[in-house]
């Protein structure tokens, strides 16, 4: 079993589409770790963000509102 965050890169835009953490791995913050790593990667490489994943959208609103300024 593994946790994943799916995204696409196209013309300086990272589109985050889905985050999946299996139930047996839940409760350890893996989704937050994946979200933070993806967001940091995007910004450090000059990408804007398009968030289609409800989990990551919630993560930004609750924990990392500074990323909102990079969202399309």
PDB file of N, CA and C in Angstrom:
ATOM      1  N   UNK A   1       0.840  -1.185   0.000  1.00  0.00           N
ATOM      2  CA  UNK A   1       0.000   0.000   0.000  1.00  0.00           C
ATOM      3  C   UNK A   1       0.879   1.239   0.000  1.00  0.00           C
ATOM      4  N   UNK A   2       0.396   2.270  -0.676  1.00  0.00           N
ATOM      5  CA  UNK A   2       1.162   3.502  -0.713  1.00  0.00           C
ATOM      6  C   UNK A   2       0.247   4.714  -0.813  1.00  0.00           C
ATOM      7  N   UNK A   3       0.744   5.816  -0.335  1.00  0.00           N
ATOM      8  CA  UNK A   3       0.041   7.092  -0.434  1.00  0.00           C
ATOM      9  C   UNK A   3       0.563   7.811  -1.678  1.00  0.00           C
ATOM     10  N   UNK A   4      -0.335   8.482  -2.395  1.00  0.00           N
ATOM     11  CA  UNK A   4       0.068   9.170  -3.628  1.00  0.00           C
ATOM     12  C   UNK A   4      -0.597  10.543  -3.739  1.00  0.00           C
ATOM     13  N   UNK A   5       0.080  11.424  -4.455  1.00  0.00           N
ATOM     14  CA  UNK A   5      -0.485  12.709  -4.854  1.00  0.00           C
ATOM     15  C   UNK A   5      -0.249  12.789  -6.360  1.00  0.00           C
ATOM     16  N   UNK A   6      -1.322  12.968  -7.108  1.00  0.00           N
ATOM     17  CA  UNK A   6      -1.228  13.007  -8.566  1.00  0.00           C
ATOM     18  C   UNK A   6      -1.262  14.445  -9.056  1.00  0.00           C
ATOM     19  N   UNK A   7      -0.411  14.735 -10.032  1.00  0.00           N
ATOM     20  CA  UNK A   7      -0.340  16.083 -10.578  1.00  0.00           C
ATOM     21  C   UNK A   7       0.132  16.031 -12.019  1.00  0.00           C
ATOM     22  N   UNK A   8      -0.098  17.134 -12.729  1.00  0.00           N
ATOM     23  CA  UNK A   8       0.397  17.327 -14.084  1.00  0.00           C
ATOM     24  C   UNK A   8       1.164  18.637 -14.118  1.00  0.00           C
ATOM     25  N   UNK A   9       2.198  18.679 -14.949  1.00  0.00           N
ATOM     26  CA  UNK A   9       2.962  19.900 -15.172  1.00  0.00           C
ATOM     27  C   UNK A   9       2.804  20.281 -16.633  1.00  0.00           C
ATOM     28  N   UNK A  10       2.374  21.527 -16.865  1.00  0.00           N
ATOM     29  CA  UNK A  10       2.190  21.988 -18.231  1.00  0.00           C
ATOM     30  C   UNK A  10       2.314  23.509 -18.279  1.00  0.00           C
ATOM     31  N   UNK A  11       3.246  23.993 -19.077  1.00  0.00           N
ATOM     32  CA  UNK A  11       3.429  25.432 -19.277  1.00  0.00           C
ATOM     33  C   UNK A  11       3.457  26.223 -17.969  1.00  0.00           C
ATOM     34  N   UNK A  12       4.340  25.843 -17.087  1.00  0.00           N
ATOM     35  CA  UNK A  12       4.559  26.532 -15.813  1.00  0.00           C
ATOM     36  C   UNK A  12       3.358  26.514 -14.877  1.00  0.00           C
ATOM     37  N   UNK A  13       2.486  25.514 -15.039  1.00  0.00           N
ATOM     38  CA  UNK A  13       1.361  25.317 -14.123  1.00  0.00           C
ATOM     39  C   UNK A  13       1.396  23.882 -13.609  1.00  0.00           C
ATOM     40  N   UNK A  14       1.373  23.735 -12.292  1.00  0.00           N
ATOM     41  CA  UNK A  14       1.206  22.417 -11.676  1.00  0.00           C
ATOM     42  C   UNK A  14      -0.263  22.268 -11.325  1.00  0.00           C
ATOM     43  N   UNK A  15      -0.894  21.263 -11.897  1.00  0.00           N
ATOM     44  CA  UNK A  15      -2.284  20.952 -11.575  1.00  0.00           C
ATOM     45  C   UNK A  15      -2.284  19.735 -10.670  1.00  0.00           C
ATOM     46  N   UNK A  16      -2.712  19.933  -9.430  1.00  0.00           N
ATOM     47  CA  UNK A  16      -2.804  18.821  -8.474  1.00  0.00           C
ATOM     48  C   UNK A  16      -4.220  18.273  -8.564  1.00  0.00           C
ATOM     49  N   UNK A  17      -4.323  17.001  -8.945  1.00  0.00           N
ATOM     50  CA  UNK A  17      -5.622  16.419  -9.256  1.00  0.00           C
ATOM     51  C   UNK A  17      -6.182  15.497  -8.185  1.00  0.00           C
ATOM     52  N   UNK A  18      -5.320  14.824  -7.412  1.00  0.00           N
ATOM     53  CA  UNK A  18      -5.851  13.824  -6.487  1.00  0.00           C
ATOM     54  C   UNK A  18      -4.799  13.465  -5.444  1.00  0.00           C
ATOM     55  N   UNK A  19      -5.253  13.233  -4.235  1.00  0.00           N
ATOM     56  CA  UNK A  19      -4.410  12.710  -3.163  1.00  0.00           C
ATOM     57  C   UNK A  19      -5.111  11.485  -2.594  1.00  0.00           C
ATOM     58  N   UNK A  20      -4.356  10.403  -2.401  1.00  0.00           N
ATOM     59  CA  UNK A  20      -4.941   9.163  -1.877  1.00  0.00           C
ATOM     60  C   UNK A  20      -4.030   8.591  -0.814  1.00  0.00           C
ATOM     61  N   UNK A  21      -4.580   8.416   0.381  1.00  0.00           N
ATOM     62  CA  UNK A  21      -3.870   7.752   1.472  1.00  0.00           C
ATOM     63  C   UNK A  21      -4.740   6.580   1.913  1.00  0.00           C
ATOM     64  N   UNK A  22      -4.236   5.351   1.802  1.00  0.00           N
ATOM     65  CA  UNK A  22      -5.023   4.196   2.237  1.00  0.00           C
ATOM     66  C   UNK A  22      -5.403   4.304   3.713  1.00  0.00           C
ATOM     67  N   UNK A  23      -6.575   3.769   4.049  1.00  0.00           N
ATOM     68  CA  UNK A  23      -7.070   3.862   5.431  1.00  0.00           C
ATOM     69  C   UNK A  23      -6.059   3.368   6.451  1.00  0.00           C
ATOM     70  N   UNK A  24      -5.378   2.270   6.135  1.00  0.00           N
ATOM     71  CA  UNK A  24      -4.434   1.705   7.108  1.00  0.00           C
ATOM     72  C   UNK A  24      -3.207   2.602   7.327  1.00  0.00           C
ATOM     73  N   UNK A  25      -2.987   3.558   6.436  1.00  0.00           N
ATOM     74  CA  UNK A  25      -1.885   4.511   6.605  1.00  0.00           C
ATOM     75  C   UNK A  25      -2.379   5.873   7.095  1.00  0.00           C
ATOM     76  N   UNK A  26      -3.673   6.019   7.249  1.00  0.00           N
ATOM     77  CA  UNK A  26      -4.264   7.286   7.652  1.00  0.00           C
ATOM     78  C   UNK A  26      -3.925   7.687   9.076  1.00  0.00           C
ATOM     79  N   UNK A  27      -4.071   8.959   9.344  1.00  0.00           N
ATOM     80  CA  UNK A  27      -3.877   9.466  10.701  1.00  0.00           C
ATOM     81  C   UNK A  27      -2.442   9.783  11.060  1.00  0.00           C
ATOM     82  N   UNK A  28      -1.537   9.692  10.105  1.00  0.00           N
ATOM     83  CA  UNK A  28      -0.120   9.959  10.380  1.00  0.00           C
ATOM     84  C   UNK A  28       0.380  11.210   9.662  1.00  0.00           C
ATOM     85  N   UNK A  29      -0.516  11.940   9.018  1.00  0.00           N
ATOM     86  CA  UNK A  29      -0.128  13.173   8.349  1.00  0.00           C
ATOM     87  C   UNK A  29       0.501  12.983   6.977  1.00  0.00           C
ATOM     88  N   UNK A  30       0.355  11.801   6.386  1.00  0.00           N
ATOM     89  CA  UNK A  30       0.979  11.557   5.087  1.00  0.00           C
ATOM     90  C   UNK A  30       0.404  12.450   3.993  1.00  0.00           C
ATOM     91  N   UNK A  31      -0.890  12.677   4.013  1.00  0.00           N
ATOM     92  CA  UNK A  31      -1.504  13.561   3.026  1.00  0.00           C
ATOM     93  C   UNK A  31      -0.943  14.967   3.120  1.00  0.00           C
ATOM     94  N   UNK A  32      -0.759  15.451   4.338  1.00  0.00           N
ATOM     95  CA  UNK A  32      -0.189  16.789   4.542  1.00  0.00           C
ATOM     96  C   UNK A  32       1.256  16.848   4.056  1.00  0.00           C
ATOM     97  N   UNK A  33       2.006  15.795   4.311  1.00  0.00           N
ATOM     98  CA  UNK A  33       3.403  15.745   3.861  1.00  0.00           C
ATOM     99  C   UNK A  33       3.470  15.768   2.340  1.00  0.00           C
ATOM    100  N   UNK A  34       2.612  14.991   1.686  1.00  0.00           N
ATOM    101  CA  UNK A  34       2.577  14.979   0.226  1.00  0.00           C
ATOM    102  C   UNK A  34       2.183  16.343  -0.332  1.00  0.00           C
ATOM    103  N   UNK A  35       1.162  16.955   0.261  1.00  0.00           N
ATOM    104  CA  UNK A  35       0.703  18.262  -0.200  1.00  0.00           C
ATOM    105  C   UNK A  35       1.813  19.298  -0.060  1.00  0.00           C
ATOM    106  N   UNK A  36       2.443  19.360   1.097  1.00  0.00           N
ATOM    107  CA  UNK A  36       3.509  20.335   1.343  1.00  0.00           C
ATOM    108  C   UNK A  36       4.666  20.134   0.376  1.00  0.00           C
ATOM    109  N   UNK A  37       5.062  18.883   0.143  1.00  0.00           N
ATOM    110  CA  UNK A  37       6.173  18.607  -0.773  1.00  0.00           C
ATOM    111  C   UNK A  37       5.837  19.054  -2.195  1.00  0.00           C
ATOM    112  N   UNK A  38       4.616  18.778  -2.644  1.00  0.00           N
ATOM    113  CA  UNK A  38       4.208  19.177  -3.993  1.00  0.00           C
ATOM    114  C   UNK A  38       4.162  20.694  -4.124  1.00  0.00           C
ATOM    115  N   UNK A  39       3.600  21.362  -3.140  1.00  0.00           N
ATOM    116  CA  UNK A  39       3.508  22.820  -3.180  1.00  0.00           C
ATOM    117  C   UNK A  39       4.892  23.466  -3.153  1.00  0.00           C
ATOM    118  N   UNK A  40       5.768  22.956  -2.312  1.00  0.00           N
ATOM    119  CA  UNK A  40       7.130  23.489  -2.249  1.00  0.00           C
ATOM    120  C   UNK A  40       7.868  23.265  -3.565  1.00  0.00           C
ATOM    121  N   UNK A  41       7.693  22.093  -4.161  1.00  0.00           N
ATOM    122  CA  UNK A  41       8.314  21.801  -5.451  1.00  0.00           C
ATOM    123  C   UNK A  41       7.828  22.795  -6.505  1.00  0.00           C
ATOM    124  N   UNK A  42       6.518  23.011  -6.542  1.00  0.00           N
ATOM    125  CA  UNK A  42       5.947  23.917  -7.537  1.00  0.00           C
ATOM    126  C   UNK A  42       6.547  25.317  -7.409  1.00  0.00           C
ATOM    127  N   UNK A  43       6.552  25.849  -6.209  1.00  0.00           N
ATOM    128  CA  UNK A  43       7.040  27.210  -6.021  1.00  0.00           C
ATOM    129  C   UNK A  43       8.532  27.331  -6.259  1.00  0.00           C
ATOM    130  N   UNK A  44       9.304  26.352  -5.811  1.00  0.00           N
ATOM    131  CA  UNK A  44      10.758  26.439  -5.991  1.00  0.00           C
ATOM    132  C   UNK A  44      11.158  26.278  -7.453  1.00  0.00           C
ATOM    133  N   UNK A  45      10.244  25.786  -8.293  1.00  0.00           N
ATOM    134  CA  UNK A  45      10.525  25.622  -9.712  1.00  0.00           C
ATOM    135  C   UNK A  45       9.730  26.592 -10.589  1.00  0.00           C
ATOM    136  N   UNK A  46       9.118  27.596  -9.969  1.00  0.00           N
ATOM    137  CA  UNK A  46       8.466  28.659 -10.705  1.00  0.00           C
ATOM    138  C   UNK A  46       7.113  28.316 -11.311  1.00  0.00           C
ATOM    139  N   UNK A  47       6.431  27.303 -10.754  1.00  0.00           N
ATOM    140  CA  UNK A  47       5.108  26.926 -11.261  1.00  0.00           C
ATOM    141  C   UNK A  47       4.004  27.685 -10.537  1.00  0.00           C
ATOM    142  N   UNK A  48       2.949  28.015 -11.265  1.00  0.00           N
ATOM    143  CA  UNK A  48       1.706  28.440 -10.643  1.00  0.00           C
ATOM    144  C   UNK A  48       0.933  27.184 -10.289  1.00  0.00           C
ATOM    145  N   UNK A  49      -0.125  27.342  -9.497  1.00  0.00           N
ATOM    146  CA  UNK A  49      -0.876  26.190  -9.002  1.00  0.00           C
ATOM    147  C   UNK A  49      -2.310  26.192  -9.506  1.00  0.00           C
ATOM    148  N   UNK A  50      -2.761  25.033  -9.920  1.00  0.00           N
ATOM    149  CA  UNK A  50      -4.184  24.811 -10.195  1.00  0.00           C
ATOM    150  C   UNK A  50      -4.556  23.598  -9.333  1.00  0.00           C
ATOM    151  N   UNK A  51      -5.420  23.816  -8.375  1.00  0.00           N
ATOM    152  CA  UNK A  51      -5.757  22.766  -7.410  1.00  0.00           C
ATOM    153  C   UNK A  51      -7.143  22.211  -7.714  1.00  0.00           C
ATOM    154  N   UNK A  52      -7.192  20.951  -8.122  1.00  0.00           N
ATOM    155  CA  UNK A  52      -8.457  20.267  -8.374  1.00  0.00           C
ATOM    156  C   UNK A  52      -8.752  19.217  -7.306  1.00  0.00           C
ATOM    157  N   UNK A  53      -7.852  19.071  -6.371  1.00  0.00           N
ATOM    158  CA  UNK A  53      -7.986  18.097  -5.284  1.00  0.00           C
ATOM    159  C   UNK A  53      -8.560  18.808  -4.048  1.00  0.00           C
ATOM    160  N   UNK A  54      -9.695  18.319  -3.562  1.00  0.00           N
ATOM    161  CA  UNK A  54     -10.349  18.944  -2.406  1.00  0.00           C
ATOM    162  C   UNK A  54      -9.460  18.896  -1.162  1.00  0.00           C
ATOM    163  N   UNK A  55      -8.708  17.816  -0.979  1.00  0.00           N
ATOM    164  CA  UNK A  55      -7.840  17.700   0.189  1.00  0.00           C
ATOM    165  C   UNK A  55      -6.766  18.794   0.172  1.00  0.00           C
ATOM    166  N   UNK A  56      -6.100  18.970  -0.955  1.00  0.00           N
ATOM    167  CA  UNK A  56      -5.036  19.963  -1.039  1.00  0.00           C
ATOM    168  C   UNK A  56      -5.612  21.374  -0.927  1.00  0.00           C
ATOM    169  N   UNK A  57      -6.768  21.600  -1.507  1.00  0.00           N
ATOM    170  CA  UNK A  57      -7.425  22.901  -1.390  1.00  0.00           C
ATOM    171  C   UNK A  57      -7.684  23.220   0.091  1.00  0.00           C
ATOM    172  N   UNK A  58      -8.206  22.247   0.828  1.00  0.00           N
ATOM    173  CA  UNK A  58      -8.459  22.410   2.259  1.00  0.00           C
ATOM    174  C   UNK A  58      -7.144  22.624   3.023  1.00  0.00           C
ATOM    175  N   UNK A  59      -6.121  21.864   2.660  1.00  0.00           N
ATOM    176  CA  UNK A  59      -4.809  21.989   3.313  1.00  0.00           C
ATOM    177  C   UNK A  59      -4.273  23.417   3.176  1.00  0.00           C
ATOM    178  N   UNK A  60      -4.362  23.974   1.976  1.00  0.00           N
ATOM    179  CA  UNK A  60      -3.887  25.343   1.756  1.00  0.00           C
ATOM    180  C   UNK A  60      -4.700  26.322   2.597  1.00  0.00           C
ATOM    181  N   UNK A  61      -6.011  26.195   2.571  1.00  0.00           N
ATOM    182  CA  UNK A  61      -6.869  27.114   3.334  1.00  0.00           C
ATOM    183  C   UNK A  61      -6.583  27.059   4.827  1.00  0.00           C
ATOM    184  N   UNK A  62      -6.378  25.857   5.355  1.00  0.00           N
ATOM    185  CA  UNK A  62      -6.231  25.692   6.805  1.00  0.00           C
ATOM    186  C   UNK A  62      -4.798  25.888   7.306  1.00  0.00           C
ATOM    187  N   UNK A  63      -3.810  25.375   6.577  1.00  0.00           N
ATOM    188  CA  UNK A  63      -2.441  25.343   7.098  1.00  0.00           C
ATOM    189  C   UNK A  63      -1.438  26.226   6.350  1.00  0.00           C
ATOM    190  N   UNK A  64      -1.654  26.459   5.064  1.00  0.00           N
ATOM    191  CA  UNK A  64      -0.641  27.141   4.256  1.00  0.00           C
ATOM    192  C   UNK A  64      -1.273  28.213   3.362  1.00  0.00           C
ATOM    193  N   UNK A  65      -1.960  29.195   3.936  1.00  0.00           N
ATOM    194  CA  UNK A  65      -2.666  30.181   3.106  1.00  0.00           C
ATOM    195  C   UNK A  65      -1.747  31.008   2.207  1.00  0.00           C
ATOM    196  N   UNK A  66      -0.458  31.044   2.486  1.00  0.00           N
ATOM    197  CA  UNK A  66       0.466  31.815   1.649  1.00  0.00           C
ATOM    198  C   UNK A  66       0.543  31.263   0.225  1.00  0.00           C
ATOM    199  N   UNK A  67       0.174  29.995   0.018  1.00  0.00           N
ATOM    200  CA  UNK A  67       0.206  29.412  -1.330  1.00  0.00           C
ATOM    201  C   UNK A  67      -0.952  29.907  -2.200  1.00  0.00           C
ATOM    202  N   UNK A  68      -1.985  30.440  -1.589  1.00  0.00           N
ATOM    203  CA  UNK A  68      -3.171  30.871  -2.345  1.00  0.00           C
ATOM    204  C   UNK A  68      -2.820  31.928  -3.397  1.00  0.00           C
ATOM    205  N   UNK A  69      -1.829  32.744  -3.133  1.00  0.00           N
ATOM    206  CA  UNK A  69      -1.465  33.796  -4.084  1.00  0.00           C
ATOM    207  C   UNK A  69      -0.884  33.241  -5.391  1.00  0.00           C
ATOM    208  N   UNK A  70      -0.509  31.969  -5.409  1.00  0.00           N
ATOM    209  CA  UNK A  70       0.048  31.349  -6.604  1.00  0.00           C
ATOM    210  C   UNK A  70      -0.980  30.509  -7.356  1.00  0.00           C
ATOM    211  N   UNK A  71      -2.205  30.464  -6.841  1.00  0.00           N
ATOM    212  CA  UNK A  71      -3.250  29.651  -7.448  1.00  0.00           C
ATOM    213  C   UNK A  71      -3.918  30.395  -8.603  1.00  0.00           C
ATOM    214  N   UNK A  72      -4.202  29.647  -9.638  1.00  0.00           N
ATOM    215  CA  UNK A  72      -4.923  30.191 -10.803  1.00  0.00           C
ATOM    216  C   UNK A  72      -6.396  29.914 -10.667  1.00  0.00           C
TER     217      UNK A  72
END
